[in-house]
Amino acid sequence: MASGLGAGADLVITTGGLGPTHDDLTMWAVAEAVGVPLVADLALAEVVRERSSRHARWADISPEVQHHSVMHQASLPGGALVLD
């Protein structure tokens, strides 16, 4: 049976992933599957940063790790549409 991408689908919808973990490769896998680069969405990065700052442990994380985590979560396959 052909996958949606192999069958010439016009639209592929995906959800899931492990969440804000270093080993969540969902966006990378989608970008790889459709042949587009990952692109940092700076508006989404601000949303992620604001939501992350609400957690008590966030202040204990180094600024470098915070930035890497935010940018990892805000990187999307080129042309992706974010649904709120």
PDB file of N, CA and C in Angstrom:
ATOM      1  N   MET A   1       0.850  -1.179   0.000  1.00  0.00           N
ATOM      2  CA  MET A   1       0.000   0.000   0.000  1.00  0.00           C
ATOM      3  C   MET A   1       0.894   1.240   0.000  1.00  0.00           C
ATOM      4  N   ALA A   2       0.617   2.196  -0.843  1.00  0.00           N
ATOM      5  CA  ALA A   2       1.412   3.416  -0.952  1.00  0.00           C
ATOM      6  C   ALA A   2       1.067   4.375   0.180  1.00  0.00           C
ATOM      7  N   SER A   3       2.088   5.082   0.632  1.00  0.00           N
ATOM      8  CA  SER A   3       1.839   6.106   1.645  1.00  0.00           C
ATOM      9  C   SER A   3       1.178   7.312   0.992  1.00  0.00           C
ATOM     10  N   GLY A   4       0.687   8.242   1.812  1.00  0.00           N
ATOM     11  CA  GLY A   4       0.061   9.449   1.281  1.00  0.00           C
ATOM     12  C   GLY A   4       0.993  10.229   0.395  1.00  0.00           C
ATOM     13  N   LEU A   5       2.273  10.336   0.779  1.00  0.00           N
ATOM     14  CA  LEU A   5       3.221  11.090  -0.024  1.00  0.00           C
ATOM     15  C   LEU A   5       3.524  10.362  -1.324  1.00  0.00           C
ATOM     16  N   GLY A   6       3.703   9.051  -1.251  1.00  0.00           N
ATOM     17  CA  GLY A   6       4.019   8.276  -2.431  1.00  0.00           C
ATOM     18  C   GLY A   6       2.845   8.154  -3.385  1.00  0.00           C
ATOM     19  N   ALA A   7       1.626   8.322  -2.883  1.00  0.00           N
ATOM     20  CA  ALA A   7       0.436   8.182  -3.704  1.00  0.00           C
ATOM     21  C   ALA A   7       0.023   9.498  -4.354  1.00  0.00           C
ATOM     22  N   GLY A   8       0.817  10.550  -4.178  1.00  0.00           N
ATOM     23  CA  GLY A   8       0.522  11.837  -4.807  1.00  0.00           C
ATOM     24  C   GLY A   8      -0.523  12.645  -4.066  1.00  0.00           C
ATOM     25  N   ALA A   9      -0.574  12.526  -2.756  1.00  0.00           N
ATOM     26  CA  ALA A   9      -1.540  13.284  -1.955  1.00  0.00           C
ATOM     27  C   ALA A   9      -1.290  14.782  -2.094  1.00  0.00           C
ATOM     28  N   ASP A  10      -2.360  15.556  -2.083  1.00  0.00           N
ATOM     29  CA  ASP A  10      -2.257  17.011  -2.126  1.00  0.00           C
ATOM     30  C   ASP A  10      -2.063  17.611  -0.743  1.00  0.00           C
ATOM     31  N   LEU A  11      -2.428  16.855   0.277  1.00  0.00           N
ATOM     32  CA  LEU A  11      -2.370  17.360   1.640  1.00  0.00           C
ATOM     33  C   LEU A  11      -2.008  16.231   2.582  1.00  0.00           C
ATOM     34  N   VAL A  12      -1.069  16.506   3.471  1.00  0.00           N
ATOM     35  CA  VAL A  12      -0.707  15.560   4.514  1.00  0.00           C
ATOM     36  C   VAL A  12      -0.841  16.295   5.838  1.00  0.00           C
ATOM     37  N   ILE A  13      -1.589  15.714   6.755  1.00  0.00           N
ATOM     38  CA  ILE A  13      -1.766  16.299   8.089  1.00  0.00           C
ATOM     39  C   ILE A  13      -1.106  15.369   9.081  1.00  0.00           C
ATOM     40  N   THR A  14      -0.316  15.937   9.966  1.00  0.00           N
ATOM     41  CA  THR A  14       0.325  15.130  10.992  1.00  0.00           C
ATOM     42  C   THR A  14       0.189  15.822  12.334  1.00  0.00           C
ATOM     43  N   THR A  15       0.127  15.039  13.363  1.00  0.00           N
ATOM     44  CA  THR A  15       0.105  15.557  14.724  1.00  0.00           C
ATOM     45  C   THR A  15       1.051  14.712  15.541  1.00  0.00           C
ATOM     46  N   GLY A  16       1.270  15.132  16.748  1.00  0.00           N
ATOM     47  CA  GLY A  16       2.034  14.289  17.650  1.00  0.00           C
ATOM     48  C   GLY A  16       3.441  14.778  17.840  1.00  0.00           C
ATOM     49  N   GLY A  17       4.256  13.856  18.220  1.00  0.00           N
ATOM     50  CA  GLY A  17       5.615  14.167  18.614  1.00  0.00           C
ATOM     51  C   GLY A  17       5.723  13.981  20.112  1.00  0.00           C
ATOM     52  N   LEU A  18       6.921  14.036  20.584  1.00  0.00           N
ATOM     53  CA  LEU A  18       7.159  13.806  22.007  1.00  0.00           C
ATOM     54  C   LEU A  18       7.005  15.073  22.837  1.00  0.00           C
ATOM     55  N   GLY A  19       6.775  16.177  22.181  1.00  0.00           N
ATOM     56  CA  GLY A  19       6.679  17.427  22.934  1.00  0.00           C
ATOM     57  C   GLY A  19       8.033  18.103  22.997  1.00  0.00           C
ATOM     58  N   PRO A  20       8.224  18.963  23.967  1.00  0.00           N
ATOM     59  CA  PRO A  20       9.463  19.751  24.026  1.00  0.00           C
ATOM     60  C   PRO A  20      10.640  18.947  24.588  1.00  0.00           C
ATOM     61  N   THR A  21      11.051  17.936  23.860  1.00  0.00           N
ATOM     62  CA  THR A  21      12.198  17.139  24.276  1.00  0.00           C
ATOM     63  C   THR A  21      13.267  17.211  23.195  1.00  0.00           C
ATOM     64  N   HIS A  22      14.499  16.993  23.597  1.00  0.00           N
ATOM     65  CA  HIS A  22      15.614  17.085  22.652  1.00  0.00           C
ATOM     66  C   HIS A  22      15.562  16.013  21.574  1.00  0.00           C
ATOM     67  N   ASP A  23      14.865  14.917  21.852  1.00  0.00           N
ATOM     68  CA  ASP A  23      14.840  13.823  20.878  1.00  0.00           C
ATOM     69  C   ASP A  23      13.565  13.761  20.042  1.00  0.00           C
ATOM     70  N   ASP A  24      12.758  14.810  20.067  1.00  0.00           N
ATOM     71  CA  ASP A  24      11.563  14.855  19.216  1.00  0.00           C
ATOM     72  C   ASP A  24      12.005  15.235  17.815  1.00  0.00           C
ATOM     73  N   LEU A  25      11.874  14.299  16.894  1.00  0.00           N
ATOM     74  CA  LEU A  25      12.321  14.511  15.523  1.00  0.00           C
ATOM     75  C   LEU A  25      11.148  14.633  14.553  1.00  0.00           C
ATOM     76  N   THR A  26       9.958  14.909  15.072  1.00  0.00           N
ATOM     77  CA  THR A  26       8.764  14.949  14.228  1.00  0.00           C
ATOM     78  C   THR A  26       8.903  15.947  13.089  1.00  0.00           C
ATOM     79  N   MET A  27       9.255  17.180  13.384  1.00  0.00           N
ATOM     80  CA  MET A  27       9.340  18.202  12.345  1.00  0.00           C
ATOM     81  C   MET A  27      10.446  17.891  11.357  1.00  0.00           C
ATOM     82  N   TRP A  28      11.571  17.391  11.856  1.00  0.00           N
ATOM     83  CA  TRP A  28      12.660  17.015  10.975  1.00  0.00           C
ATOM     84  C   TRP A  28      12.212  15.918  10.021  1.00  0.00           C
ATOM     85  N   ALA A  29      11.498  14.909  10.551  1.00  0.00           N
ATOM     86  CA  ALA A  29      11.043  13.798   9.718  1.00  0.00           C
ATOM     87  C   ALA A  29      10.049  14.258   8.657  1.00  0.00           C
ATOM     88  N   VAL A  30       9.148  15.148   9.019  1.00  0.00           N
ATOM     89  CA  VAL A  30       8.178  15.663   8.047  1.00  0.00           C
ATOM     90  C   VAL A  30       8.905  16.458   6.965  1.00  0.00           C
ATOM     91  N   ALA A  31       9.819  17.333   7.367  1.00  0.00           N
ATOM     92  CA  ALA A  31      10.572  18.122   6.388  1.00  0.00           C
ATOM     93  C   ALA A  31      11.350  17.209   5.450  1.00  0.00           C
ATOM     94  N   GLU A  32      11.974  16.196   6.002  1.00  0.00           N
ATOM     95  CA  GLU A  32      12.732  15.235   5.199  1.00  0.00           C
ATOM     96  C   GLU A  32      11.815  14.502   4.225  1.00  0.00           C
ATOM     97  N   ALA A  33      10.647  14.095   4.707  1.00  0.00           N
ATOM     98  CA  ALA A  33       9.710  13.325   3.879  1.00  0.00           C
ATOM     99  C   ALA A  33       9.190  14.131   2.693  1.00  0.00           C
ATOM    100  N   VAL A  34       8.991  15.422   2.886  1.00  0.00           N
ATOM    101  CA  VAL A  34       8.444  16.235   1.795  1.00  0.00           C
ATOM    102  C   VAL A  34       9.520  17.031   1.055  1.00  0.00           C
ATOM    103  N   GLY A  35      10.776  16.889   1.482  1.00  0.00           N
ATOM    104  CA  GLY A  35      11.882  17.502   0.754  1.00  0.00           C
ATOM    105  C   GLY A  35      12.005  18.999   0.896  1.00  0.00           C
ATOM    106  N   VAL A  36      11.709  19.513   2.085  1.00  0.00           N
ATOM    107  CA  VAL A  36      11.864  20.947   2.335  1.00  0.00           C
ATOM    108  C   VAL A  36      12.759  21.144   3.558  1.00  0.00           C
ATOM    109  N   PRO A  37      13.362  22.318   3.689  1.00  0.00           N
ATOM    110  CA  PRO A  37      14.204  22.571   4.864  1.00  0.00           C
ATOM    111  C   PRO A  37      13.354  22.934   6.079  1.00  0.00           C
ATOM    112  N   LEU A  38      13.943  22.777   7.255  1.00  0.00           N
ATOM    113  CA  LEU A  38      13.318  23.317   8.462  1.00  0.00           C
ATOM    114  C   LEU A  38      13.562  24.813   8.485  1.00  0.00           C
ATOM    115  N   VAL A  39      12.557  25.563   8.888  1.00  0.00           N
ATOM    116  CA  VAL A  39      12.637  27.018   8.927  1.00  0.00           C
ATOM    117  C   VAL A  39      12.204  27.475  10.319  1.00  0.00           C
ATOM    118  N   ALA A  40      12.983  28.361  10.920  1.00  0.00           N
ATOM    119  CA  ALA A  40      12.622  28.903  12.231  1.00  0.00           C
ATOM    120  C   ALA A  40      11.497  29.914  12.064  1.00  0.00           C
ATOM    121  N   ASP A  41      10.399  29.707  12.765  1.00  0.00           N
ATOM    122  CA  ASP A  41       9.267  30.628  12.763  1.00  0.00           C
ATOM    123  C   ASP A  41       9.418  31.517  13.994  1.00  0.00           C
ATOM    124  N   LEU A  42       9.858  32.754  13.785  1.00  0.00           N
ATOM    125  CA  LEU A  42      10.181  33.632  14.909  1.00  0.00           C
ATOM    126  C   LEU A  42       8.955  34.029  15.727  1.00  0.00           C
ATOM    127  N   ALA A  43       7.805  34.157  15.078  1.00  0.00           N
ATOM    128  CA  ALA A  43       6.577  34.454  15.831  1.00  0.00           C
ATOM    129  C   ALA A  43       6.218  33.273  16.729  1.00  0.00           C
ATOM    130  N   LEU A  44       6.353  32.072  16.207  1.00  0.00           N
ATOM    131  CA  LEU A  44       6.094  30.879  17.013  1.00  0.00           C
ATOM    132  C   LEU A  44       7.115  30.765  18.138  1.00  0.00           C
ATOM    133  N   ALA A  45       8.353  31.150  17.884  1.00  0.00           N
ATOM    134  CA  ALA A  45       9.391  31.121  18.921  1.00  0.00           C
ATOM    135  C   ALA A  45       8.992  31.994  20.103  1.00  0.00           C
ATOM    136  N   GLU A  46       8.414  33.150  19.833  1.00  0.00           N
ATOM    137  CA  GLU A  46       7.970  34.023  20.920  1.00  0.00           C
ATOM    138  C   GLU A  46       6.852  33.368  21.737  1.00  0.00           C
ATOM    139  N   VAL A  47       5.945  32.680  21.072  1.00  0.00           N
ATOM    140  CA  VAL A  47       4.869  31.966  21.776  1.00  0.00           C
ATOM    141  C   VAL A  47       5.466  30.873  22.655  1.00  0.00           C
ATOM    142  N   VAL A  48       6.392  30.103  22.102  1.00  0.00           N
ATOM    143  CA  VAL A  48       7.032  29.022  22.863  1.00  0.00           C
ATOM    144  C   VAL A  48       7.793  29.596  24.050  1.00  0.00           C
ATOM    145  N   ARG A  49       8.531  30.678  23.821  1.00  0.00           N
ATOM    146  CA  ARG A  49       9.307  31.301  24.899  1.00  0.00           C
ATOM    147  C   ARG A  49       8.392  31.786  26.015  1.00  0.00           C
ATOM    148  N   GLU A  50       7.293  32.421  25.655  1.00  0.00           N
ATOM    149  CA  GLU A  50       6.362  32.940  26.669  1.00  0.00           C
ATOM    150  C   GLU A  50       5.735  31.792  27.459  1.00  0.00           C
ATOM    151  N   ARG A  51       5.288  30.763  26.783  1.00  0.00           N
ATOM    152  CA  ARG A  51       4.662  29.625  27.468  1.00  0.00           C
ATOM    153  C   ARG A  51       5.661  28.889  28.342  1.00  0.00           C
ATOM    154  N   SER A  52       6.882  28.745  27.855  1.00  0.00           N
ATOM    155  CA  SER A  52       7.918  28.051  28.628  1.00  0.00           C
ATOM    156  C   SER A  52       8.264  28.810  29.892  1.00  0.00           C
ATOM    157  N   SER A  53       8.251  30.134  29.813  1.00  0.00           N
ATOM    158  CA  SER A  53       8.633  30.947  30.968  1.00  0.00           C
ATOM    159  C   SER A  53       7.653  30.821  32.127  1.00  0.00           C
ATOM    160  N   ARG A  54       6.481  30.279  31.874  1.00  0.00           N
ATOM    161  CA  ARG A  54       5.492  30.088  32.938  1.00  0.00           C
ATOM    162  C   ARG A  54       5.848  28.940  33.879  1.00  0.00           C
ATOM    163  N   HIS A  55       6.747  28.086  33.450  1.00  0.00           N
ATOM    164  CA  HIS A  55       7.098  26.915  34.258  1.00  0.00           C
ATOM    165  C   HIS A  55       8.214  27.266  35.228  1.00  0.00           C
ATOM    166  N   ALA A  56       8.068  26.841  36.462  1.00  0.00           N
ATOM    167  CA  ALA A  56       9.023  27.187  37.514  1.00  0.00           C
ATOM    168  C   ALA A  56      10.442  26.750  37.168  1.00  0.00           C
ATOM    169  N   ARG A  57      10.608  25.606  36.548  1.00  0.00           N
ATOM    170  CA  ARG A  57      11.953  25.100  36.246  1.00  0.00           C
ATOM    171  C   ARG A  57      12.641  25.885  35.140  1.00  0.00           C
ATOM    172  N   TRP A  58      11.909  26.656  34.364  1.00  0.00           N
ATOM    173  CA  TRP A  58      12.491  27.378  33.229  1.00  0.00           C
ATOM    174  C   TRP A  58      13.625  28.289  33.684  1.00  0.00           C
ATOM    175  N   ALA A  59      13.468  28.930  34.812  1.00  0.00           N
ATOM    176  CA  ALA A  59      14.496  29.860  35.308  1.00  0.00           C
ATOM    177  C   ALA A  59      15.794  29.142  35.667  1.00  0.00           C
ATOM    178  N   ASP A  60      15.726  27.847  35.909  1.00  0.00           N
ATOM    179  CA  ASP A  60      16.917  27.079  36.272  1.00  0.00           C
ATOM    180  C   ASP A  60      17.715  26.603  35.061  1.00  0.00           C
ATOM    181  N   ILE A  61      17.195  26.830  33.879  1.00  0.00           N
ATOM    182  CA  ILE A  61      17.841  26.377  32.653  1.00  0.00           C
ATOM    183  C   ILE A  61      18.694  27.514  32.096  1.00  0.00           C
ATOM    184  N   SER A  62      19.878  27.181  31.644  1.00  0.00           N
ATOM    185  CA  SER A  62      20.775  28.221  31.121  1.00  0.00           C
ATOM    186  C   SER A  62      20.143  28.908  29.909  1.00  0.00           C
ATOM    187  N   PRO A  63      20.458  30.188  29.703  1.00  0.00           N
ATOM    188  CA  PRO A  63      19.908  30.909  28.552  1.00  0.00           C
ATOM    189  C   PRO A  63      20.225  30.232  27.212  1.00  0.00           C
ATOM    190  N   GLU A  64      21.408  29.625  27.098  1.00  0.00           N
ATOM    191  CA  GLU A  64      21.776  28.950  25.857  1.00  0.00           C
ATOM    192  C   GLU A  64      20.871  27.754  25.589  1.00  0.00           C
ATOM    193  N   VAL A  65      20.598  26.972  26.630  1.00  0.00           N
ATOM    194  CA  VAL A  65      19.729  25.805  26.484  1.00  0.00           C
ATOM    195  C   VAL A  65      18.289  26.255  26.244  1.00  0.00           C
ATOM    196  N   GLN A  66      17.859  27.315  26.919  1.00  0.00           N
ATOM    197  CA  GLN A  66      16.522  27.862  26.684  1.00  0.00           C
ATOM    198  C   GLN A  66      16.367  28.229  25.204  1.00  0.00           C
ATOM    199  N   HIS A  67      17.343  28.952  24.672  1.00  0.00           N
ATOM    200  CA  HIS A  67      17.277  29.399  23.279  1.00  0.00           C
ATOM    201  C   HIS A  67      17.222  28.195  22.336  1.00  0.00           C
ATOM    202  N   HIS A  68      18.092  27.222  22.564  1.00  0.00           N
ATOM    203  CA  HIS A  68      18.112  26.027  21.709  1.00  0.00           C
ATOM    204  C   HIS A  68      16.767  25.307  21.762  1.00  0.00           C
ATOM    205  N   SER A  69      16.202  25.166  22.947  1.00  0.00           N
ATOM    206  CA  SER A  69      14.913  24.489  23.115  1.00  0.00           C
ATOM    207  C   SER A  69      13.805  25.231  22.386  1.00  0.00           C
ATOM    208  N   VAL A  70      13.772  26.536  22.544  1.00  0.00           N
ATOM    209  CA  VAL A  70      12.748  27.350  21.885  1.00  0.00           C
ATOM    210  C   VAL A  70      12.865  27.237  20.372  1.00  0.00           C
ATOM    211  N   MET A  71      14.065  27.371  19.857  1.00  0.00           N
ATOM    212  CA  MET A  71      14.250  27.332  18.407  1.00  0.00           C
ATOM    213  C   MET A  71      13.974  25.943  17.844  1.00  0.00           C
ATOM    214  N   HIS A  72      14.277  24.904  18.607  1.00  0.00           N
ATOM    215  CA  HIS A  72      13.955  23.537  18.176  1.00  0.00           C
ATOM    216  C   HIS A  72      12.441  23.388  18.030  1.00  0.00           C
ATOM    217  N   GLN A  73      11.708  23.884  19.010  1.00  0.00           N
ATOM    218  CA  GLN A  73      10.248  23.763  18.991  1.00  0.00           C
ATOM    219  C   GLN A  73       9.599  24.670  17.948  1.00  0.00           C
ATOM    220  N   ALA A  74      10.292  25.742  17.562  1.00  0.00           N
ATOM    221  CA  ALA A  74       9.724  26.703  16.612  1.00  0.00           C
ATOM    222  C   ALA A  74      10.224  26.481  15.187  1.00  0.00           C
ATOM    223  N   SER A  75      10.927  25.381  14.944  1.00  0.00           N
ATOM    224  CA  SER A  75      11.401  25.059  13.600  1.00  0.00           C
ATOM    225  C   SER A  75      10.388  24.163  12.913  1.00  0.00           C
ATOM    226  N   LEU A  76       9.951  24.613  11.751  1.00  0.00           N
ATOM    227  CA  LEU A  76       8.882  23.927  11.010  1.00  0.00           C
ATOM    228  C   LEU A  76       9.345  23.619   9.601  1.00  0.00           C
ATOM    229  N   PRO A  77       8.750  22.610   8.983  1.00  0.00           N
ATOM    230  CA  PRO A  77       9.038  22.384   7.576  1.00  0.00           C
ATOM    231  C   PRO A  77       8.644  23.619   6.760  1.00  0.00           C
ATOM    232  N   GLY A  78       9.479  24.029   5.831  1.00  0.00           N
ATOM    233  CA  GLY A  78       9.182  25.185   5.000  1.00  0.00           C
ATOM    234  C   GLY A  78       7.797  25.075   4.367  1.00  0.00           C
ATOM    235  N   GLY A  79       7.002  26.112   4.486  1.00  0.00           N
ATOM    236  CA  GLY A  79       5.648  26.129   3.915  1.00  0.00           C
ATOM    237  C   GLY A  79       4.574  25.559   4.832  1.00  0.00           C
ATOM    238  N   ALA A  80       4.976  25.108   6.036  1.00  0.00           N
ATOM    239  CA  ALA A  80       4.001  24.539   6.961  1.00  0.00           C
ATOM    240  C   ALA A  80       3.044  25.624   7.471  1.00  0.00           C
ATOM    241  N   LEU A  81       1.841  25.228   7.768  1.00  0.00           N
ATOM    242  CA  LEU A  81       0.833  26.116   8.326  1.00  0.00           C
ATOM    243  C   LEU A  81       0.600  25.709   9.772  1.00  0.00           C
ATOM    244  N   VAL A  82       0.790  26.642  10.687  1.00  0.00           N
ATOM    245  CA  VAL A  82       0.585  26.375  12.104  1.00  0.00           C
ATOM    246  C   VAL A  82      -0.873  26.631  12.443  1.00  0.00           C
ATOM    247  N   LEU A  83      -1.515  25.646  13.036  1.00  0.00           N
ATOM    248  CA  LEU A  83      -2.884  25.812  13.504  1.00  0.00           C
ATOM    249  C   LEU A  83      -2.849  26.115  14.989  1.00  0.00           C
ATOM    250  N   ASP A  84      -3.510  27.171  15.386  1.00  0.00           N
ATOM    251  CA  ASP A  84      -3.486  27.576  16.791  1.00  0.00           C
ATOM    252  C   ASP A  84      -4.259  26.591  17.647  1.00  0.00           C
TER     253      ASP A  84
END
